[in-house]
Amino acid sequence: MAMWHKIVMFLYLLSIRMTVMATGQAKKNILFLIADDAGFETPVYGNTVCQTPNLDRLAAQSVVFDNAFTSVSSCSPSRAALLTGLPSHQNGMYGLHHSVHHFNSFDGVVSLPALVQQHGVRTGIIGKKHVGPSSVYPFDFSYTEEDGHSILQVGRNITHIKELVGRFLATTPRSQPWFLYVGFHDPHRCGHTHPELGQFCERFGADGGIPDWTPVWYSPDSVEVPYNVQDTPAARADIAAQYTTVSRLDQGTYYFLLFTVEQLPGVGLVLAELERFGLTDSTLVVYTSDNGAPFPGGRTNLYEAGVAEPLLLSVPGVGGRRQASPVSLLDLVPTALDWLGISYPHYHLNNRTAAVTLTGRSLLSLAQKGTELLCWGQK
């Protein structure tokens, strides 16, 4: 980590410590880490080949959900649902947002970033956004493909992402709570747009172009072939390339762990300072994916491989266990609002008489007390 970055982070953490001492309470923050087309390629979910030591560490301090599902197995609709707490037919994002597709959410939808902004929370997004319009999904700090930035740089270059995270934290007023959404572009396929970089962009930055990345290469013979994929040499080579980009994403999460979790062996002095200044007790961390992996029966399909998602929920003071209750990514907005103590507003969409309501439930009670959630539709 560059010396200037250490100095900036030290001053930021010192300001947080001073604020906590002055007010007697820590502000509450939220960090969403969203993978792109990730499945269960991690030891957290039983994969013994793909190396994800940082996700393993986060899982050790999280409630790991074994039955989490997206409401729709496609990128823009899933992200819109995740950021609004409303399924596609309610938020209006029926298809892909980019290019000729040009799908958008309804203008009157109140998204999570828009709502928390109204309550003084600073919002930031880094990496893949892929939702619109911007008036529905506003962020105070934004470095995404929607802003004209290269998706390879803001979504896969973990050194650049690290620097942007540092910039967001350094420019956030010391007493202001924040919500930061980091949309990794790994491990999305890119063979159709950048064939020279490999099927999953596994060669992007592997020549030293991403200083903080140590590429991990896998033999096709060693990979674990999912039940929904034919076991062929071509499929194994594909999965090996996918694993490399999952490992890059995992190494990228390390820098966010520096800002958000308790001290772990070998992480270093900045993490120790973070723990001493009290941010570990004030930040809710979520790791998940938008939809399933891009294999047969996966992404864009309603089979289990398409809608089942990894979900780690790190609640300060709680973690190190698994939860079998079925949950939805629609539960993340209620969870975030519960964490911040913000109520969902009363409003109407498209001239309907019924007010908009969230169908998801906060996961905090499930995480903190082990309370079983009622099935959807039960009171």
Protein backbone atom coordinates (compact mmCIF):
# COMPACT_ATOMS: atom_id res chain seq x y z
CA MET A 1 0.00 0.00 0.00
CA ALA A 2 1.46 3.38 -1.01
CA MET A 3 2.62 5.72 1.78
CA TRP A 4 0.13 8.43 0.78
CA HIS A 5 -2.70 5.93 1.04
CA LYS A 6 -1.56 4.89 4.53
CA ILE A 7 -1.45 8.53 5.62
CA VAL A 8 -4.90 9.27 4.19
CA MET A 9 -6.38 6.20 5.85
CA PHE A 10 -4.71 7.01 9.18
CA LEU A 11 -6.13 10.54 9.14
CA TYR A 12 -9.55 9.21 8.16
CA LEU A 13 -9.55 6.64 10.97
CA LEU A 14 -8.29 9.23 13.44
CA SER A 15 -11.18 11.52 12.50
CA ILE A 16 -13.62 8.66 13.06
CA ARG A 17 -12.11 7.99 16.48
CA MET A 18 -12.43 11.65 17.43
CA THR A 19 -16.06 11.66 16.29
CA VAL A 20 -16.86 8.56 18.35
CA MET A 21 -15.22 10.10 21.42
CA ALA A 22 -17.13 13.35 20.93
CA THR A 23 -20.58 11.84 20.35
CA GLY A 24 -20.32 8.71 22.45
CA GLN A 25 -21.55 6.54 19.57
CA ALA A 26 -20.22 5.26 16.27
CA LYS A 27 -21.91 6.03 12.98
CA LYS A 28 -23.30 3.10 11.04
CA ASN A 29 -22.02 2.21 7.59
CA ILE A 30 -22.92 -0.33 4.91
CA LEU A 31 -20.69 -2.05 2.35
CA PHE A 32 -22.16 -4.14 -0.48
CA LEU A 33 -19.69 -6.35 -2.40
CA ILE A 34 -21.47 -7.63 -5.52
CA ALA A 35 -19.86 -10.24 -7.75
CA ASP A 36 -20.86 -10.53 -11.41
CA ASP A 37 -22.17 -13.98 -12.42
CA ALA A 38 -20.52 -15.72 -9.47
CA GLY A 39 -21.72 -19.09 -8.32
CA PHE A 40 -20.37 -21.11 -5.42
CA GLU A 41 -16.72 -21.34 -6.51
CA THR A 42 -15.30 -20.98 -2.99
CA PRO A 43 -14.44 -23.23 -0.05
CA VAL A 44 -17.15 -21.32 1.85
CA TYR A 45 -19.64 -23.39 -0.14
CA GLY A 46 -17.66 -26.60 -0.42
CA ASN A 47 -15.43 -26.05 -3.46
CA THR A 48 -12.04 -27.53 -2.58
CA VAL A 49 -10.11 -26.23 -5.60
CA CYS A 50 -10.84 -22.53 -6.18
CA GLN A 51 -8.83 -20.47 -3.69
CA THR A 52 -10.68 -17.63 -1.93
CA PRO A 53 -8.83 -17.06 1.37
CA ASN A 54 -10.29 -13.59 1.89
CA LEU A 55 -13.88 -14.66 1.34
CA ASP A 56 -13.11 -17.52 3.72
CA ARG A 57 -12.02 -14.95 6.31
CA LEU A 58 -15.09 -12.84 5.76
CA ALA A 59 -17.27 -15.95 6.06
CA ALA A 60 -15.66 -16.75 9.41
CA GLN A 61 -17.06 -13.45 10.69
CA SER A 62 -20.38 -13.68 8.85
CA VAL A 63 -23.64 -15.52 8.85
CA VAL A 64 -23.36 -17.73 5.75
CA PHE A 65 -26.72 -18.32 4.09
CA ASP A 66 -27.03 -21.70 2.38
CA ASN A 67 -30.37 -21.00 0.71
CA ALA A 68 -30.24 -17.48 -0.72
CA PHE A 69 -31.92 -16.70 -4.02
CA THR A 70 -32.15 -13.84 -6.47
CA SER A 71 -35.64 -12.83 -7.60
CA VAL A 72 -34.57 -12.84 -11.25
CA SER A 73 -31.56 -14.47 -12.92
CA SER A 74 -30.37 -11.63 -15.12
CA CYS A 75 -27.98 -8.77 -14.49
CA SER A 76 -29.88 -5.45 -14.66
CA PRO A 77 -33.19 -6.82 -13.33
CA SER A 78 -31.41 -8.54 -10.44
CA ARG A 79 -29.39 -5.44 -9.53
CA ALA A 80 -32.48 -3.24 -9.73
CA ALA A 81 -34.33 -5.63 -7.42
CA LEU A 82 -31.37 -5.72 -5.04
CA LEU A 83 -31.16 -1.91 -4.90
CA THR A 84 -34.90 -1.25 -4.62
CA GLY A 85 -36.16 -4.24 -2.65
CA LEU A 86 -38.84 -4.57 -5.33
CA PRO A 87 -39.13 -7.40 -7.90
CA SER A 88 -39.02 -6.60 -11.61
CA HIS A 89 -42.77 -6.18 -12.12
CA GLN A 90 -42.79 -3.54 -9.36
CA ASN A 91 -39.59 -1.63 -10.12
CA GLY A 92 -39.95 -1.76 -13.92
CA MET A 93 -36.51 -3.13 -14.85
CA TYR A 94 -37.58 -6.04 -17.03
CA GLY A 95 -34.42 -6.43 -19.12
CA LEU A 96 -30.85 -5.27 -19.61
CA HIS A 97 -30.15 -1.57 -19.15
CA HIS A 98 -27.30 -1.05 -21.58
CA SER A 99 -27.12 -0.42 -25.31
CA VAL A 100 -30.13 -1.18 -27.51
CA HIS A 101 -32.03 -2.89 -24.68
CA HIS A 102 -32.38 0.38 -22.76
CA PHE A 103 -34.56 -0.93 -19.94
CA ASN A 104 -35.07 1.36 -16.94
CA SER A 105 -36.85 1.29 -13.61
CA PHE A 106 -40.01 3.35 -13.22
CA ASP A 107 -39.25 7.01 -12.60
CA GLY A 108 -41.09 7.08 -9.28
CA VAL A 109 -39.28 4.16 -7.64
CA VAL A 110 -37.45 5.01 -4.40
CA SER A 111 -34.17 3.08 -4.38
CA LEU A 112 -31.91 2.37 -1.42
CA PRO A 113 -29.26 4.97 -2.36
CA ALA A 114 -31.91 7.65 -2.95
CA LEU A 115 -33.64 6.90 0.34
CA VAL A 116 -30.56 6.84 2.55
CA GLN A 117 -29.30 10.06 0.92
CA GLN A 118 -32.44 11.74 2.23
CA HIS A 119 -31.35 10.71 5.73
CA GLY A 120 -27.84 12.14 5.50
CA VAL A 121 -26.00 8.98 4.42
CA ARG A 122 -23.23 9.52 1.86
CA THR A 123 -23.50 7.08 -1.02
CA GLY A 124 -20.86 5.68 -3.34
CA ILE A 125 -20.68 3.19 -6.18
CA ILE A 126 -17.56 1.73 -7.78
CA GLY A 127 -17.54 -0.72 -10.66
CA LYS A 128 -20.52 -2.17 -12.49
CA LYS A 129 -23.82 -0.30 -12.13
CA HIS A 130 -25.94 -1.45 -15.10
CA VAL A 131 -29.20 0.08 -13.83
CA GLY A 132 -31.03 3.32 -14.54
CA PRO A 133 -32.23 5.97 -14.77
CA SER A 134 -29.65 7.88 -12.74
CA SER A 135 -32.43 9.89 -11.09
CA VAL A 136 -33.71 6.66 -9.51
CA TYR A 137 -30.23 5.37 -8.63
CA PRO A 138 -28.27 8.47 -7.55
CA PHE A 139 -24.87 8.19 -5.88
CA ASP A 140 -22.77 11.01 -4.42
CA PHE A 141 -19.54 9.31 -5.47
CA SER A 142 -19.68 7.34 -8.72
CA TYR A 143 -17.05 5.58 -10.83
CA THR A 144 -18.91 3.17 -13.13
CA GLU A 145 -19.36 2.27 -16.78
CA GLU A 146 -22.40 4.57 -16.73
CA ASP A 147 -20.01 7.47 -16.05
CA GLY A 148 -17.85 6.64 -19.05
CA HIS A 149 -15.17 4.68 -17.19
CA SER A 150 -13.72 1.45 -18.55
CA ILE A 151 -15.54 -1.48 -16.94
CA LEU A 152 -12.25 -3.38 -17.01
CA GLN A 153 -10.61 -0.70 -14.89
CA VAL A 154 -13.39 0.04 -12.40
CA GLY A 155 -14.67 -3.54 -12.28
CA ARG A 156 -11.62 -5.83 -12.60
CA ASN A 157 -8.51 -3.77 -11.81
CA ILE A 158 -8.42 -4.35 -8.05
CA THR A 159 -5.59 -1.83 -7.58
CA HIS A 160 -7.68 0.92 -9.16
CA ILE A 161 -10.73 -0.18 -7.17
CA LYS A 162 -8.69 -0.04 -3.97
CA GLU A 163 -7.60 3.50 -4.75
CA LEU A 164 -11.18 4.58 -5.44
CA VAL A 165 -12.36 3.10 -2.15
CA GLY A 166 -9.65 5.03 -0.35
CA ARG A 167 -10.74 8.20 -2.14
CA PHE A 168 -14.37 7.66 -1.15
CA LEU A 169 -13.50 7.14 2.50
CA ALA A 170 -11.04 10.04 2.60
CA THR A 171 -13.59 12.47 1.18
CA THR A 172 -16.48 11.38 3.39
CA PRO A 173 -16.99 13.80 6.33
CA ARG A 174 -15.84 12.21 9.52
CA SER A 175 -19.25 12.27 11.22
CA GLN A 176 -21.26 11.12 8.19
CA PRO A 177 -22.45 7.52 7.78
CA TRP A 178 -21.93 5.97 4.37
CA PHE A 179 -23.25 3.31 2.00
CA LEU A 180 -20.73 1.98 -0.52
CA TYR A 181 -21.68 -0.40 -3.33
CA VAL A 182 -18.76 -2.14 -5.07
CA GLY A 183 -19.79 -3.93 -8.24
CA PHE A 184 -17.00 -6.24 -9.36
CA HIS A 185 -17.07 -7.27 -13.02
CA ASP A 186 -15.39 -10.58 -12.17
CA PRO A 187 -16.06 -13.38 -12.91
CA HIS A 188 -18.28 -12.31 -15.86
CA ARG A 189 -17.39 -13.69 -19.29
CA CYS A 190 -15.62 -11.37 -21.73
CA GLY A 191 -14.64 -13.64 -24.62
CA HIS A 192 -17.31 -12.03 -26.80
CA THR A 193 -15.94 -8.50 -26.25
CA HIS A 194 -12.23 -9.03 -25.46
CA PRO A 195 -11.26 -12.45 -26.83
CA GLU A 196 -7.58 -11.55 -26.55
CA LEU A 197 -7.99 -11.50 -22.76
CA GLY A 198 -9.52 -14.97 -22.50
CA GLN A 199 -13.06 -16.23 -21.97
CA PHE A 200 -13.32 -14.62 -18.52
CA CYS A 201 -10.73 -11.84 -18.95
CA GLU A 202 -8.39 -14.03 -16.95
CA ARG A 203 -5.39 -12.57 -18.79
CA PHE A 204 -6.36 -8.95 -18.07
CA GLY A 205 -3.59 -7.46 -15.90
CA ALA A 206 -1.84 -10.81 -15.50
CA ASP A 207 1.36 -9.35 -16.95
CA GLY A 208 1.77 -6.99 -13.99
CA GLY A 209 -0.81 -4.45 -15.11
CA ILE A 210 -2.67 -4.92 -11.82
CA PRO A 211 0.08 -4.49 -9.19
CA ASP A 212 -1.96 -5.89 -6.29
CA TRP A 213 -3.00 -9.05 -8.10
CA THR A 214 -1.07 -12.30 -7.90
CA PRO A 215 -2.73 -14.49 -10.57
CA VAL A 216 -3.73 -17.99 -9.52
CA TRP A 217 -3.83 -20.43 -12.41
CA TYR A 218 -5.73 -23.70 -12.37
CA SER A 219 -5.36 -26.94 -14.26
CA PRO A 220 -8.48 -28.01 -16.15
CA ASP A 221 -7.90 -31.50 -14.79
CA SER A 222 -8.31 -30.30 -11.18
CA VAL A 223 -11.50 -28.22 -11.40
CA GLU A 224 -14.82 -29.31 -9.93
CA VAL A 225 -17.40 -29.56 -12.71
CA PRO A 226 -20.86 -28.42 -11.50
CA TYR A 227 -23.74 -30.87 -11.82
CA ASN A 228 -25.35 -28.74 -14.54
CA VAL A 229 -22.28 -28.71 -16.83
CA GLN A 230 -21.16 -31.54 -19.10
CA ASP A 231 -17.75 -32.88 -18.11
CA THR A 232 -15.77 -32.18 -21.29
CA PRO A 233 -12.23 -30.82 -21.89
CA ALA A 234 -13.70 -27.56 -23.21
CA ALA A 235 -15.91 -27.13 -20.14
CA ARG A 236 -13.00 -27.85 -17.80
CA ALA A 237 -10.82 -25.25 -19.54
CA ASP A 238 -13.67 -22.75 -19.22
CA ILE A 239 -14.07 -23.43 -15.49
CA ALA A 240 -10.31 -23.13 -14.92
CA ALA A 241 -10.37 -19.65 -16.49
CA GLN A 242 -13.39 -18.74 -14.37
CA TYR A 243 -11.56 -19.81 -11.19
CA THR A 244 -8.69 -17.43 -11.98
CA THR A 245 -11.04 -14.46 -12.10
CA VAL A 246 -12.84 -15.60 -8.94
CA SER A 247 -9.43 -15.58 -7.25
CA ARG A 248 -8.84 -12.04 -8.55
CA LEU A 249 -12.17 -10.92 -7.12
CA ASP A 250 -11.21 -12.57 -3.83
CA GLN A 251 -7.91 -10.72 -3.70
CA GLY A 252 -9.84 -7.52 -4.38
CA THR A 253 -12.06 -8.10 -1.34
CA TYR A 254 -8.95 -8.01 0.85
CA TYR A 255 -8.76 -4.22 0.56
CA PHE A 256 -12.38 -3.85 1.65
CA LEU A 257 -11.73 -6.15 4.58
CA LEU A 258 -9.06 -3.68 5.63
CA PHE A 259 -11.78 -1.09 6.07
CA THR A 260 -14.47 -3.22 7.63
CA VAL A 261 -13.59 -6.35 9.58
CA GLU A 262 -11.72 -7.40 12.69
CA GLN A 263 -7.99 -8.01 12.72
CA LEU A 264 -6.92 -11.24 11.07
CA PRO A 265 -3.48 -12.88 10.96
CA GLY A 266 -1.19 -11.38 8.33
CA VAL A 267 -3.44 -8.52 7.26
CA GLY A 268 -1.26 -5.73 8.61
CA LEU A 269 -1.10 -2.49 10.55
CA VAL A 270 -3.89 -0.60 8.81
CA LEU A 271 -6.35 -3.30 9.83
CA ALA A 272 -5.08 -3.14 13.38
CA GLU A 273 -5.60 0.62 13.38
CA LEU A 274 -9.09 0.12 11.99
CA GLU A 275 -10.01 -2.16 14.87
CA ARG A 276 -8.52 0.23 17.41
CA PHE A 277 -10.49 3.19 16.01
CA GLY A 278 -13.81 1.35 16.19
CA LEU A 279 -15.10 0.88 12.61
CA THR A 280 -15.44 -2.87 13.09
CA ASP A 281 -18.47 -2.22 15.29
CA SER A 282 -20.24 0.07 12.86
CA THR A 283 -20.13 -1.46 9.37
CA LEU A 284 -22.54 -4.00 7.94
CA VAL A 285 -20.92 -6.01 5.12
CA VAL A 286 -22.78 -7.97 2.44
CA TYR A 287 -21.22 -10.23 -0.19
CA THR A 288 -23.37 -11.79 -2.90
CA SER A 289 -23.81 -12.09 -6.67
CA ASP A 290 -26.41 -10.81 -9.09
CA ASN A 291 -27.22 -14.19 -10.66
CA GLY A 292 -25.80 -17.63 -11.28
CA ALA A 293 -22.68 -18.58 -13.20
CA PRO A 294 -22.75 -18.37 -17.04
CA PHE A 295 -23.07 -22.07 -17.74
CA PRO A 296 -25.98 -24.22 -19.02
CA GLY A 297 -28.92 -23.90 -16.66
CA GLY A 298 -27.21 -21.01 -14.88
CA ARG A 299 -27.47 -17.28 -15.58
CA THR A 300 -30.83 -16.20 -17.12
CA ASN A 301 -32.44 -19.53 -16.12
CA LEU A 302 -34.85 -20.29 -13.29
CA TYR A 303 -33.08 -23.52 -12.42
CA GLU A 304 -31.25 -23.65 -9.09
CA ALA A 305 -27.92 -22.93 -10.79
CA GLY A 306 -29.39 -19.68 -12.10
CA VAL A 307 -31.17 -18.29 -9.04
CA ALA A 308 -29.27 -19.68 -6.04
CA GLU A 309 -26.68 -17.18 -4.79
CA PRO A 310 -23.85 -17.01 -2.28
CA LEU A 311 -24.71 -14.65 0.59
CA LEU A 312 -22.44 -13.58 3.44
CA LEU A 313 -23.83 -11.12 5.97
CA SER A 314 -21.24 -9.71 8.35
CA VAL A 315 -22.98 -8.06 11.30
CA PRO A 316 -20.59 -6.59 13.90
CA GLY A 317 -20.37 -8.93 16.84
CA VAL A 318 -22.10 -11.80 15.05
CA GLY A 319 -20.69 -14.45 12.77
CA GLY A 320 -19.03 -17.78 12.32
CA ARG A 321 -22.18 -19.78 11.65
CA ARG A 322 -24.44 -20.93 8.86
CA GLN A 323 -28.13 -20.35 8.30
CA ALA A 324 -30.36 -22.71 6.34
CA SER A 325 -33.47 -20.52 6.26
CA PRO A 326 -34.50 -19.57 2.70
CA VAL A 327 -33.84 -15.89 2.04
CA SER A 328 -34.01 -13.57 -0.96
CA LEU A 329 -31.83 -10.75 -2.22
CA LEU A 330 -35.03 -8.71 -1.87
CA ASP A 331 -34.32 -8.94 1.87
CA LEU A 332 -31.19 -6.77 1.55
CA VAL A 333 -32.96 -3.39 1.34
CA PRO A 334 -35.04 -4.08 4.49
CA THR A 335 -31.85 -5.31 6.18
CA ALA A 336 -29.93 -2.14 5.26
CA LEU A 337 -32.77 0.13 6.40
CA ASP A 338 -33.09 -1.81 9.65
CA TRP A 339 -29.35 -1.41 10.26
CA LEU A 340 -29.53 2.35 9.68
CA GLY A 341 -32.80 2.81 11.57
CA ILE A 342 -34.58 4.24 8.51
CA SER A 343 -38.24 3.54 7.73
CA TYR A 344 -39.43 2.74 4.22
CA PRO A 345 -41.48 5.66 2.85
CA HIS A 346 -45.19 5.67 2.06
CA TYR A 347 -45.64 6.35 -1.65
CA HIS A 348 -47.50 5.21 -4.75
CA LEU A 349 -46.36 4.17 -8.24
CA ASN A 350 -48.04 4.58 -11.61
CA ASN A 351 -51.28 6.02 -10.21
CA ARG A 352 -52.09 2.87 -8.28
CA THR A 353 -54.18 3.23 -5.13
CA ALA A 354 -52.15 0.71 -3.12
CA ALA A 355 -48.94 2.03 -1.59
CA VAL A 356 -45.63 0.45 -2.49
CA THR A 357 -44.56 -2.13 0.08
CA LEU A 358 -41.45 -4.24 0.50
CA THR A 359 -42.04 -7.99 0.37
CA GLY A 360 -38.63 -8.79 1.85
CA ARG A 361 -37.77 -8.99 5.55
CA SER A 362 -34.77 -7.69 7.46
CA LEU A 363 -32.20 -10.43 8.07
CA LEU A 364 -30.76 -8.78 11.19
CA SER A 365 -32.89 -10.71 13.65
CA LEU A 366 -32.07 -13.93 11.85
CA ALA A 367 -28.37 -13.08 11.98
CA GLN A 368 -28.23 -11.69 15.51
CA LYS A 369 -30.63 -13.97 17.35
CA GLY A 370 -31.02 -16.93 15.08
CA THR A 371 -34.73 -16.19 14.74
CA GLU A 372 -36.33 -18.20 11.97
CA LEU A 373 -38.02 -16.09 9.31
CA LEU A 374 -41.59 -16.88 8.44
CA CYS A 375 -42.21 -18.12 4.93
CA TRP A 376 -42.97 -15.42 2.40
CA GLY A 377 -46.61 -14.36 2.62
CA GLN A 378 -47.01 -15.39 6.28
CA LYS A 379 -47.77 -12.80 8.94
